[in-house]
């Protein structure tokens, strides 16, 4: 986990090819437009205790950047269920993130994404102007299926629904279980 204040540049790679390089880092605080952000994290027994702690610390740095007019939501899969902090206080998301511990092996990647998109697309909760985004930390594993074609279809359906609702999805691939399963976000 790295504090955003310590980062001086970033390189983005796709399958070992440099996509872009940027000498300046923008943080959530750099925009005048409010942000609605959902964070999805698998907190399962597939990860070691150190890996989980590292993920929690890294995401805490993102959550800490929230301003008063930003809203956060959290969807934390503990291997048995998805623990949800609805769109609202960043402090609630941080508390749930820190309090969620692994209960089993499964991962509910698609269910978590669906819940996040439902939360972000709810007309009663939408506000204008606002940027809407989802950060998904994943190893691309889901108990729904192991077949790559089915995974690609599911992910494309989710992608289309998010784009229709003007929601951006950003992926943090963590020890990919199956390489290149999430190329579109």
N, C-alpha and C. Protein backbone atom coordinates (compact mmCIF):
# COMPACT_ATOMS: atom_id res chain seq x y z
N UNK A 1 0.83 -1.20 0.00
CA UNK A 1 0.00 0.00 0.00
C UNK A 1 0.87 1.25 0.00
N UNK A 2 0.51 2.18 -0.86
CA UNK A 2 1.29 3.40 -1.00
C UNK A 2 0.38 4.59 -0.84
N UNK A 3 0.80 5.57 -0.08
CA UNK A 3 0.05 6.80 0.07
C UNK A 3 0.09 7.56 -1.26
N UNK A 4 -1.05 8.08 -1.73
CA UNK A 4 -1.06 8.83 -3.00
C UNK A 4 -0.07 9.99 -3.01
N UNK A 5 0.23 10.55 -1.85
CA UNK A 5 1.16 11.68 -1.77
C UNK A 5 2.57 11.27 -2.20
N UNK A 6 2.89 9.99 -2.08
CA UNK A 6 4.24 9.51 -2.39
C UNK A 6 4.40 9.08 -3.85
N UNK A 7 3.31 9.03 -4.61
CA UNK A 7 3.38 8.59 -6.00
C UNK A 7 3.69 9.79 -6.89
N UNK A 8 4.69 9.65 -7.74
CA UNK A 8 5.07 10.74 -8.64
C UNK A 8 4.76 10.44 -10.10
N UNK A 9 4.39 9.23 -10.43
CA UNK A 9 4.07 8.88 -11.80
C UNK A 9 3.45 7.51 -11.85
N UNK A 10 2.87 7.18 -13.02
CA UNK A 10 2.21 5.88 -13.15
C UNK A 10 2.38 5.36 -14.57
N UNK A 11 2.58 4.05 -14.68
CA UNK A 11 2.60 3.36 -15.97
C UNK A 11 1.47 2.35 -15.97
N UNK A 12 0.71 2.29 -17.06
CA UNK A 12 -0.39 1.35 -17.19
C UNK A 12 -0.01 0.32 -18.24
N UNK A 13 -0.10 -0.97 -17.87
CA UNK A 13 0.26 -2.05 -18.77
C UNK A 13 -0.95 -2.92 -19.05
N UNK A 14 -0.99 -3.50 -20.26
CA UNK A 14 -1.98 -4.51 -20.62
C UNK A 14 -1.21 -5.66 -21.24
N UNK A 15 -1.21 -6.79 -20.57
CA UNK A 15 -0.47 -7.97 -21.05
C UNK A 15 0.97 -7.61 -21.41
N UNK A 16 1.65 -6.97 -20.51
CA UNK A 16 3.07 -6.62 -20.61
C UNK A 16 3.38 -5.51 -21.62
N UNK A 17 2.37 -4.93 -22.28
CA UNK A 17 2.59 -3.82 -23.19
C UNK A 17 2.22 -2.52 -22.49
N UNK A 18 3.09 -1.52 -22.57
CA UNK A 18 2.83 -0.22 -21.96
C UNK A 18 1.70 0.46 -22.73
N UNK A 19 0.62 0.79 -22.03
CA UNK A 19 -0.53 1.45 -22.64
C UNK A 19 -0.38 2.96 -22.53
N UNK A 20 -0.04 3.42 -21.35
CA UNK A 20 0.11 4.86 -21.13
C UNK A 20 1.04 5.11 -19.97
N UNK A 21 1.59 6.29 -19.95
CA UNK A 21 2.47 6.70 -18.87
C UNK A 21 2.09 8.12 -18.49
N UNK A 22 2.03 8.41 -17.23
CA UNK A 22 1.63 9.73 -16.78
C UNK A 22 2.55 10.19 -15.65
N UNK A 23 3.14 11.37 -15.80
CA UNK A 23 4.02 11.85 -14.74
C UNK A 23 3.26 12.44 -13.56
N UNK A 24 1.98 12.80 -13.74
CA UNK A 24 1.22 13.40 -12.66
C UNK A 24 0.08 12.49 -12.25
N UNK A 25 -0.14 12.40 -10.98
CA UNK A 25 -1.21 11.57 -10.44
C UNK A 25 -2.38 12.45 -10.02
N UNK A 26 -3.56 12.11 -10.46
CA UNK A 26 -4.76 12.81 -10.01
C UNK A 26 -5.39 11.99 -8.90
N UNK A 27 -5.85 12.65 -7.88
CA UNK A 27 -6.53 11.97 -6.78
C UNK A 27 -8.01 12.31 -6.83
N UNK A 28 -8.78 11.65 -6.01
CA UNK A 28 -10.22 11.91 -5.97
C UNK A 28 -10.50 13.37 -5.62
N UNK A 29 -9.61 13.96 -4.84
CA UNK A 29 -9.81 15.34 -4.39
C UNK A 29 -9.55 16.37 -5.48
N UNK A 30 -9.00 15.96 -6.63
CA UNK A 30 -8.61 16.91 -7.67
C UNK A 30 -9.76 17.38 -8.55
N UNK A 31 -10.96 16.93 -8.33
CA UNK A 31 -12.08 17.31 -9.17
C UNK A 31 -13.12 18.09 -8.36
N UNK A 32 -13.78 19.02 -9.04
CA UNK A 32 -14.85 19.78 -8.39
C UNK A 32 -16.17 19.01 -8.39
N UNK A 33 -16.26 17.98 -9.22
CA UNK A 33 -17.50 17.22 -9.35
C UNK A 33 -17.54 16.14 -8.26
N UNK A 34 -18.67 16.01 -7.56
CA UNK A 34 -18.77 14.98 -6.52
C UNK A 34 -18.62 13.58 -7.11
N UNK A 35 -18.23 12.65 -6.27
CA UNK A 35 -17.98 11.28 -6.70
C UNK A 35 -18.86 10.32 -5.92
N UNK A 36 -19.47 9.38 -6.64
CA UNK A 36 -20.13 8.22 -6.04
C UNK A 36 -19.27 7.03 -6.41
N UNK A 37 -18.70 6.36 -5.43
CA UNK A 37 -17.73 5.30 -5.66
C UNK A 37 -18.11 4.04 -4.90
N UNK A 38 -18.13 2.92 -5.61
CA UNK A 38 -18.32 1.62 -4.97
C UNK A 38 -17.01 0.85 -5.04
N UNK A 39 -16.68 0.18 -3.95
CA UNK A 39 -15.46 -0.62 -3.90
C UNK A 39 -15.87 -2.07 -3.65
N UNK A 40 -15.35 -2.97 -4.50
CA UNK A 40 -15.67 -4.40 -4.40
C UNK A 40 -14.37 -5.14 -4.11
N UNK A 41 -14.38 -5.93 -3.04
CA UNK A 41 -13.17 -6.66 -2.65
C UNK A 41 -13.54 -8.08 -2.23
N UNK A 42 -12.85 -9.10 -2.77
CA UNK A 42 -13.04 -10.46 -2.27
C UNK A 42 -12.16 -10.65 -1.03
N UNK A 43 -12.79 -10.84 0.10
CA UNK A 43 -12.04 -11.08 1.34
C UNK A 43 -12.26 -12.55 1.69
N UNK A 44 -11.62 -13.42 0.91
CA UNK A 44 -11.84 -14.85 1.09
C UNK A 44 -10.56 -15.54 1.54
N UNK A 45 -10.69 -16.81 1.86
CA UNK A 45 -9.56 -17.61 2.32
C UNK A 45 -8.60 -17.98 1.19
N UNK A 46 -8.91 -17.56 -0.04
CA UNK A 46 -7.96 -17.80 -1.13
C UNK A 46 -6.74 -16.90 -0.99
N UNK A 47 -6.86 -15.82 -0.23
CA UNK A 47 -5.76 -14.89 -0.02
C UNK A 47 -5.16 -15.12 1.36
N UNK A 48 -3.86 -14.90 1.47
CA UNK A 48 -3.20 -15.01 2.78
C UNK A 48 -3.60 -13.81 3.63
N UNK A 49 -3.32 -13.92 4.91
CA UNK A 49 -3.61 -12.83 5.84
C UNK A 49 -2.86 -11.56 5.44
N UNK A 50 -1.59 -11.72 5.05
CA UNK A 50 -0.79 -10.56 4.63
C UNK A 50 -1.34 -9.92 3.36
N UNK A 51 -1.79 -10.74 2.40
CA UNK A 51 -2.36 -10.20 1.17
C UNK A 51 -3.65 -9.43 1.47
N UNK A 52 -4.49 -9.98 2.33
CA UNK A 52 -5.73 -9.29 2.69
C UNK A 52 -5.44 -7.98 3.39
N UNK A 53 -4.48 -7.99 4.30
CA UNK A 53 -4.12 -6.77 5.01
C UNK A 53 -3.60 -5.72 4.04
N UNK A 54 -2.81 -6.14 3.08
CA UNK A 54 -2.28 -5.23 2.07
C UNK A 54 -3.41 -4.62 1.24
N UNK A 55 -4.38 -5.45 0.82
CA UNK A 55 -5.53 -4.94 0.06
C UNK A 55 -6.31 -3.93 0.88
N UNK A 56 -6.57 -4.26 2.14
CA UNK A 56 -7.35 -3.36 3.00
C UNK A 56 -6.64 -2.02 3.19
N UNK A 57 -5.34 -2.06 3.40
CA UNK A 57 -4.59 -0.82 3.57
C UNK A 57 -4.60 0.02 2.30
N UNK A 58 -4.40 -0.62 1.16
CA UNK A 58 -4.39 0.10 -0.11
C UNK A 58 -5.73 0.78 -0.37
N UNK A 59 -6.81 0.04 -0.16
CA UNK A 59 -8.13 0.62 -0.40
C UNK A 59 -8.48 1.69 0.62
N UNK A 60 -7.97 1.55 1.83
CA UNK A 60 -8.19 2.59 2.84
C UNK A 60 -7.62 3.92 2.38
N UNK A 61 -6.47 3.88 1.67
CA UNK A 61 -5.89 5.12 1.14
C UNK A 61 -6.83 5.77 0.13
N UNK A 62 -7.51 4.97 -0.66
CA UNK A 62 -8.46 5.52 -1.63
C UNK A 62 -9.66 6.11 -0.89
N UNK A 63 -10.20 5.37 0.06
CA UNK A 63 -11.38 5.82 0.80
C UNK A 63 -11.08 7.10 1.58
N UNK A 64 -9.88 7.21 2.11
CA UNK A 64 -9.50 8.39 2.90
C UNK A 64 -9.52 9.67 2.07
N UNK A 65 -9.46 9.55 0.76
CA UNK A 65 -9.47 10.74 -0.10
C UNK A 65 -10.87 11.33 -0.27
N UNK A 66 -11.89 10.63 0.20
CA UNK A 66 -13.27 11.10 0.01
C UNK A 66 -13.47 12.47 0.66
N UNK A 67 -14.17 13.32 -0.07
CA UNK A 67 -14.52 14.64 0.45
C UNK A 67 -15.91 14.58 1.07
N UNK A 68 -16.33 15.64 1.68
CA UNK A 68 -17.62 15.67 2.36
C UNK A 68 -18.78 15.40 1.42
N UNK A 69 -18.68 15.86 0.17
CA UNK A 69 -19.78 15.67 -0.78
C UNK A 69 -19.65 14.39 -1.61
N UNK A 70 -18.61 13.59 -1.37
CA UNK A 70 -18.47 12.29 -2.04
C UNK A 70 -19.23 11.23 -1.26
N UNK A 71 -19.72 10.23 -1.99
CA UNK A 71 -20.40 9.11 -1.34
C UNK A 71 -19.69 7.82 -1.73
N UNK A 72 -19.58 6.91 -0.78
CA UNK A 72 -18.90 5.63 -1.01
C UNK A 72 -19.85 4.49 -0.66
N UNK A 73 -19.60 3.35 -1.31
CA UNK A 73 -20.31 2.11 -0.98
C UNK A 73 -19.27 1.00 -0.97
N UNK A 74 -19.52 -0.04 -0.20
CA UNK A 74 -18.59 -1.17 -0.15
C UNK A 74 -19.31 -2.49 -0.30
N UNK A 75 -18.70 -3.40 -1.05
CA UNK A 75 -19.24 -4.74 -1.28
C UNK A 75 -18.10 -5.71 -1.04
N UNK A 76 -18.09 -6.34 0.12
CA UNK A 76 -16.96 -7.16 0.53
C UNK A 76 -17.40 -8.61 0.72
N UNK A 77 -16.97 -9.43 -0.22
CA UNK A 77 -17.31 -10.87 -0.25
C UNK A 77 -16.39 -11.59 0.73
N UNK A 78 -16.98 -12.21 1.75
CA UNK A 78 -16.16 -12.90 2.76
C UNK A 78 -16.06 -14.40 2.51
N UNK A 79 -16.53 -14.86 1.35
CA UNK A 79 -16.49 -16.29 1.03
C UNK A 79 -17.80 -16.99 1.32
N UNK A 80 -18.67 -16.36 2.08
CA UNK A 80 -19.99 -16.93 2.37
C UNK A 80 -21.12 -16.01 1.95
N UNK A 81 -20.86 -14.70 2.02
CA UNK A 81 -21.89 -13.71 1.70
C UNK A 81 -21.21 -12.41 1.29
N UNK A 82 -22.00 -11.50 0.75
CA UNK A 82 -21.49 -10.19 0.38
C UNK A 82 -21.92 -9.21 1.47
N UNK A 83 -20.95 -8.65 2.16
CA UNK A 83 -21.20 -7.64 3.19
C UNK A 83 -21.31 -6.29 2.48
N UNK A 84 -22.39 -5.54 2.75
CA UNK A 84 -22.66 -4.31 2.00
C UNK A 84 -22.73 -3.10 2.92
N UNK A 85 -21.99 -2.06 2.55
CA UNK A 85 -22.14 -0.72 3.13
C UNK A 85 -22.76 0.11 2.02
N UNK A 86 -24.05 0.49 2.14
CA UNK A 86 -24.71 1.21 1.05
C UNK A 86 -24.09 2.58 0.80
N UNK A 87 -24.41 3.14 -0.37
CA UNK A 87 -23.88 4.43 -0.79
C UNK A 87 -24.13 5.47 0.29
N UNK A 88 -23.04 6.01 0.81
CA UNK A 88 -23.15 7.00 1.89
C UNK A 88 -21.78 7.37 2.42
N UNK A 89 -21.60 7.19 3.69
CA UNK A 89 -20.41 7.64 4.40
C UNK A 89 -19.17 6.78 4.11
N UNK A 90 -18.06 7.46 3.84
CA UNK A 90 -16.78 6.76 3.65
C UNK A 90 -16.38 6.04 4.93
N UNK A 91 -16.70 6.61 6.08
CA UNK A 91 -16.35 6.00 7.36
C UNK A 91 -17.05 4.65 7.53
N UNK A 92 -18.30 4.53 7.05
CA UNK A 92 -19.02 3.25 7.11
C UNK A 92 -18.34 2.19 6.25
N UNK A 93 -17.87 2.61 5.07
CA UNK A 93 -17.19 1.67 4.17
C UNK A 93 -15.88 1.21 4.79
N UNK A 94 -15.13 2.15 5.37
CA UNK A 94 -13.86 1.80 6.01
C UNK A 94 -14.09 0.83 7.17
N UNK A 95 -15.10 1.09 7.99
CA UNK A 95 -15.39 0.22 9.12
C UNK A 95 -15.75 -1.18 8.66
N UNK A 96 -16.59 -1.29 7.62
CA UNK A 96 -16.96 -2.61 7.11
C UNK A 96 -15.77 -3.32 6.49
N UNK A 97 -14.96 -2.59 5.73
CA UNK A 97 -13.76 -3.17 5.12
C UNK A 97 -12.84 -3.75 6.19
N UNK A 98 -12.57 -2.97 7.22
CA UNK A 98 -11.66 -3.42 8.28
C UNK A 98 -12.26 -4.54 9.11
N UNK A 99 -13.59 -4.57 9.20
CA UNK A 99 -14.26 -5.56 10.05
C UNK A 99 -14.60 -6.87 9.36
N UNK A 100 -14.48 -6.93 8.02
CA UNK A 100 -14.81 -8.14 7.29
C UNK A 100 -13.62 -9.09 7.31
N UNK A 101 -13.88 -10.34 7.69
CA UNK A 101 -12.80 -11.33 7.71
C UNK A 101 -13.24 -12.54 6.88
N UNK A 102 -12.27 -13.29 6.35
CA UNK A 102 -12.61 -14.41 5.46
C UNK A 102 -13.34 -15.52 6.20
N UNK A 103 -14.44 -15.97 5.59
CA UNK A 103 -15.24 -17.06 6.17
C UNK A 103 -15.19 -18.31 5.31
N UNK A 104 -14.71 -18.20 4.09
CA UNK A 104 -14.68 -19.35 3.19
C UNK A 104 -13.92 -19.03 1.92
N UNK A 105 -13.97 -19.97 0.97
CA UNK A 105 -13.21 -19.87 -0.28
C UNK A 105 -13.95 -19.19 -1.43
N UNK A 106 -15.26 -19.38 -1.58
CA UNK A 106 -15.92 -18.91 -2.80
C UNK A 106 -15.77 -17.41 -3.02
N UNK A 107 -16.02 -17.02 -4.26
CA UNK A 107 -16.02 -15.61 -4.61
C UNK A 107 -17.28 -15.32 -5.41
N UNK A 108 -17.87 -14.19 -5.15
CA UNK A 108 -19.11 -13.80 -5.81
C UNK A 108 -18.88 -12.55 -6.65
N UNK A 109 -17.98 -12.66 -7.61
CA UNK A 109 -17.59 -11.53 -8.44
C UNK A 109 -18.79 -10.91 -9.16
N UNK A 110 -19.55 -11.70 -9.87
CA UNK A 110 -20.67 -11.16 -10.65
C UNK A 110 -21.77 -10.63 -9.75
N UNK A 111 -22.07 -11.35 -8.69
CA UNK A 111 -23.10 -10.89 -7.76
C UNK A 111 -22.69 -9.57 -7.13
N UNK A 112 -21.43 -9.43 -6.77
CA UNK A 112 -20.95 -8.18 -6.18
C UNK A 112 -21.05 -7.03 -7.18
N UNK A 113 -20.65 -7.29 -8.43
CA UNK A 113 -20.76 -6.25 -9.46
C UNK A 113 -22.21 -5.87 -9.70
N UNK A 114 -23.10 -6.85 -9.76
CA UNK A 114 -24.52 -6.57 -9.96
C UNK A 114 -25.06 -5.71 -8.82
N UNK A 115 -24.72 -6.06 -7.58
CA UNK A 115 -25.18 -5.28 -6.42
C UNK A 115 -24.66 -3.84 -6.50
N UNK A 116 -23.39 -3.70 -6.87
CA UNK A 116 -22.80 -2.36 -6.96
C UNK A 116 -23.49 -1.53 -8.04
N UNK A 117 -23.74 -2.14 -9.20
CA UNK A 117 -24.41 -1.42 -10.29
C UNK A 117 -25.84 -1.08 -9.89
N UNK A 118 -26.54 -1.99 -9.22
CA UNK A 118 -27.89 -1.69 -8.72
C UNK A 118 -27.86 -0.47 -7.81
N UNK A 119 -26.90 -0.46 -6.89
CA UNK A 119 -26.79 0.64 -5.93
C UNK A 119 -26.49 1.96 -6.64
N UNK A 120 -25.59 1.92 -7.61
CA UNK A 120 -25.18 3.14 -8.31
C UNK A 120 -26.22 3.60 -9.33
N UNK A 121 -27.10 2.71 -9.78
CA UNK A 121 -28.09 3.04 -10.82
C UNK A 121 -29.45 3.38 -10.24
N UNK A 122 -29.63 3.26 -8.95
CA UNK A 122 -30.92 3.53 -8.32
C UNK A 122 -31.30 5.00 -8.56
N UNK A 123 -32.40 5.25 -9.29
CA UNK A 123 -32.78 6.63 -9.60
C UNK A 123 -32.95 7.51 -8.35
N UNK A 124 -33.38 6.92 -7.26
CA UNK A 124 -33.58 7.69 -6.03
C UNK A 124 -32.25 8.15 -5.43
N UNK A 125 -31.16 7.49 -5.79
CA UNK A 125 -29.85 7.82 -5.22
C UNK A 125 -28.96 8.60 -6.19
N UNK A 126 -29.42 8.73 -7.44
CA UNK A 126 -28.59 9.42 -8.44
C UNK A 126 -28.63 10.92 -8.21
N UNK A 127 -27.51 11.56 -8.49
CA UNK A 127 -27.43 13.01 -8.39
C UNK A 127 -26.64 13.53 -9.57
N UNK A 128 -26.96 14.76 -9.94
CA UNK A 128 -26.31 15.35 -11.10
C UNK A 128 -25.83 16.74 -10.72
N UNK A 129 -24.61 17.11 -10.92
CA UNK A 129 -23.58 16.29 -11.53
C UNK A 129 -22.92 15.39 -10.50
N UNK A 130 -22.45 14.27 -10.95
CA UNK A 130 -21.65 13.36 -10.12
C UNK A 130 -20.94 12.38 -11.04
N UNK A 131 -19.71 12.06 -10.70
CA UNK A 131 -18.99 10.99 -11.39
C UNK A 131 -19.34 9.71 -10.65
N UNK A 132 -19.54 8.64 -11.40
CA UNK A 132 -19.86 7.35 -10.78
C UNK A 132 -18.87 6.31 -11.25
N UNK A 133 -18.31 5.59 -10.27
CA UNK A 133 -17.29 4.60 -10.62
C UNK A 133 -17.32 3.44 -9.63
N UNK A 134 -16.78 2.32 -10.11
CA UNK A 134 -16.62 1.12 -9.29
C UNK A 134 -15.16 0.72 -9.39
N UNK A 135 -14.56 0.44 -8.24
CA UNK A 135 -13.22 -0.14 -8.21
C UNK A 135 -13.39 -1.59 -7.79
N UNK A 136 -12.96 -2.48 -8.65
CA UNK A 136 -13.08 -3.92 -8.40
C UNK A 136 -11.69 -4.51 -8.20
N UNK A 137 -11.44 -5.00 -7.01
CA UNK A 137 -10.21 -5.73 -6.73
C UNK A 137 -10.56 -7.20 -6.92
N UNK A 138 -9.83 -7.89 -7.79
CA UNK A 138 -10.21 -9.27 -8.09
C UNK A 138 -9.03 -10.09 -8.55
N UNK A 139 -9.18 -11.39 -8.42
CA UNK A 139 -8.24 -12.32 -9.04
C UNK A 139 -8.91 -13.00 -10.23
N UNK A 140 -10.07 -12.45 -10.65
CA UNK A 140 -10.86 -12.93 -11.80
C UNK A 140 -11.47 -14.29 -11.55
N UNK A 141 -11.57 -14.69 -10.29
CA UNK A 141 -12.16 -15.98 -9.95
C UNK A 141 -13.60 -15.76 -9.51
N UNK A 142 -14.49 -16.61 -9.97
CA UNK A 142 -15.88 -16.58 -9.52
C UNK A 142 -16.40 -18.00 -9.50
N UNK A 143 -17.23 -18.31 -8.53
CA UNK A 143 -17.76 -19.67 -8.42
C UNK A 143 -18.84 -19.95 -9.45
N UNK A 144 -19.29 -18.91 -10.19
CA UNK A 144 -20.34 -19.08 -11.18
C UNK A 144 -19.90 -20.05 -12.27
N UNK A 145 -18.69 -19.89 -12.76
CA UNK A 145 -18.21 -20.75 -13.84
C UNK A 145 -16.70 -20.65 -13.96
N UNK A 146 -16.11 -21.70 -14.46
CA UNK A 146 -14.68 -21.70 -14.77
C UNK A 146 -14.46 -21.57 -16.28
N UNK A 147 -15.52 -21.62 -17.08
CA UNK A 147 -15.38 -21.61 -18.54
C UNK A 147 -15.18 -20.19 -19.03
N UNK A 148 -14.08 -19.95 -19.71
CA UNK A 148 -13.70 -18.59 -20.13
C UNK A 148 -14.78 -17.93 -20.99
N UNK A 149 -15.42 -18.68 -21.89
CA UNK A 149 -16.45 -18.09 -22.76
C UNK A 149 -17.63 -17.58 -21.93
N UNK A 150 -18.04 -18.35 -20.92
CA UNK A 150 -19.14 -17.92 -20.05
C UNK A 150 -18.74 -16.69 -19.24
N UNK A 151 -17.50 -16.69 -18.77
CA UNK A 151 -17.01 -15.55 -18.00
C UNK A 151 -17.01 -14.30 -18.87
N UNK A 152 -16.50 -14.40 -20.09
CA UNK A 152 -16.48 -13.25 -20.99
C UNK A 152 -17.89 -12.73 -21.27
N UNK A 153 -18.85 -13.62 -21.48
CA UNK A 153 -20.23 -13.21 -21.72
C UNK A 153 -20.80 -12.47 -20.51
N UNK A 154 -20.62 -13.03 -19.33
CA UNK A 154 -21.11 -12.40 -18.10
C UNK A 154 -20.50 -11.01 -17.93
N UNK A 155 -19.20 -10.93 -18.12
CA UNK A 155 -18.51 -9.66 -17.92
C UNK A 155 -18.96 -8.64 -18.96
N UNK A 156 -19.16 -9.05 -20.19
CA UNK A 156 -19.61 -8.12 -21.22
C UNK A 156 -21.01 -7.60 -20.90
N UNK A 157 -21.89 -8.46 -20.41
CA UNK A 157 -23.24 -8.02 -20.02
C UNK A 157 -23.17 -6.99 -18.89
N UNK A 158 -22.31 -7.24 -17.92
CA UNK A 158 -22.13 -6.30 -16.82
C UNK A 158 -21.56 -4.98 -17.34
N UNK A 159 -20.57 -5.09 -18.21
CA UNK A 159 -19.95 -3.90 -18.80
C UNK A 159 -20.99 -3.04 -19.52
N UNK A 160 -21.84 -3.67 -20.35
CA UNK A 160 -22.85 -2.93 -21.09
C UNK A 160 -23.82 -2.22 -20.14
N UNK A 161 -24.21 -2.90 -19.09
CA UNK A 161 -25.15 -2.30 -18.13
C UNK A 161 -24.50 -1.11 -17.41
N UNK A 162 -23.24 -1.25 -17.04
CA UNK A 162 -22.54 -0.15 -16.38
C UNK A 162 -22.42 1.05 -17.32
N UNK A 163 -22.03 0.82 -18.57
CA UNK A 163 -21.88 1.91 -19.54
C UNK A 163 -23.22 2.60 -19.80
N UNK A 164 -24.32 1.83 -19.86
CA UNK A 164 -25.64 2.42 -20.07
C UNK A 164 -26.00 3.37 -18.93
N UNK A 165 -25.46 3.11 -17.75
CA UNK A 165 -25.75 3.92 -16.57
C UNK A 165 -24.63 4.90 -16.25
N UNK A 166 -23.70 5.10 -17.21
CA UNK A 166 -22.59 6.03 -17.07
C UNK A 166 -21.74 5.75 -15.82
N UNK A 167 -21.47 4.48 -15.61
CA UNK A 167 -20.63 4.05 -14.49
C UNK A 167 -19.34 3.50 -15.06
N UNK A 168 -18.23 4.01 -14.59
CA UNK A 168 -16.92 3.50 -15.00
C UNK A 168 -16.49 2.41 -14.04
N UNK A 169 -15.88 1.36 -14.57
CA UNK A 169 -15.38 0.27 -13.73
C UNK A 169 -13.88 0.18 -13.91
N UNK A 170 -13.17 0.23 -12.80
CA UNK A 170 -11.72 0.11 -12.80
C UNK A 170 -11.34 -1.18 -12.09
N UNK A 171 -10.42 -1.91 -12.69
CA UNK A 171 -10.04 -3.22 -12.17
C UNK A 171 -8.64 -3.16 -11.58
N UNK A 172 -8.50 -3.74 -10.41
CA UNK A 172 -7.18 -4.00 -9.83
C UNK A 172 -7.05 -5.52 -9.81
N UNK A 173 -6.26 -6.05 -10.75
CA UNK A 173 -6.08 -7.50 -10.83
C UNK A 173 -5.07 -7.92 -9.76
N UNK A 174 -5.48 -8.82 -8.93
CA UNK A 174 -4.65 -9.26 -7.83
C UNK A 174 -4.43 -10.76 -7.97
N UNK A 175 -3.20 -11.14 -8.32
CA UNK A 175 -2.88 -12.56 -8.52
C UNK A 175 -3.92 -13.23 -9.41
N UNK A 176 -4.02 -12.86 -10.69
CA UNK A 176 -5.10 -13.37 -11.54
C UNK A 176 -5.20 -14.89 -11.53
N UNK A 177 -6.39 -15.37 -11.23
CA UNK A 177 -6.65 -16.82 -11.24
C UNK A 177 -6.66 -17.31 -12.68
N UNK A 178 -7.30 -16.56 -13.56
CA UNK A 178 -7.31 -16.86 -14.99
C UNK A 178 -6.89 -15.58 -15.69
N UNK A 179 -5.78 -15.60 -16.41
CA UNK A 179 -5.25 -14.38 -17.03
C UNK A 179 -6.17 -13.87 -18.14
N UNK A 180 -6.27 -12.58 -18.23
CA UNK A 180 -7.00 -11.88 -19.31
C UNK A 180 -8.49 -12.13 -19.31
N UNK A 181 -9.09 -12.34 -18.15
CA UNK A 181 -10.54 -12.52 -18.13
C UNK A 181 -11.29 -11.21 -18.14
N UNK A 182 -10.64 -10.13 -17.74
CA UNK A 182 -11.38 -8.88 -17.62
C UNK A 182 -10.70 -7.79 -18.44
N UNK A 183 -10.74 -7.92 -19.76
CA UNK A 183 -10.02 -6.94 -20.59
C UNK A 183 -10.78 -5.67 -20.90
N UNK A 184 -12.10 -5.64 -20.71
CA UNK A 184 -12.87 -4.52 -21.24
C UNK A 184 -12.98 -3.32 -20.33
N UNK A 185 -12.80 -3.46 -19.04
CA UNK A 185 -13.08 -2.34 -18.13
C UNK A 185 -11.99 -1.28 -18.21
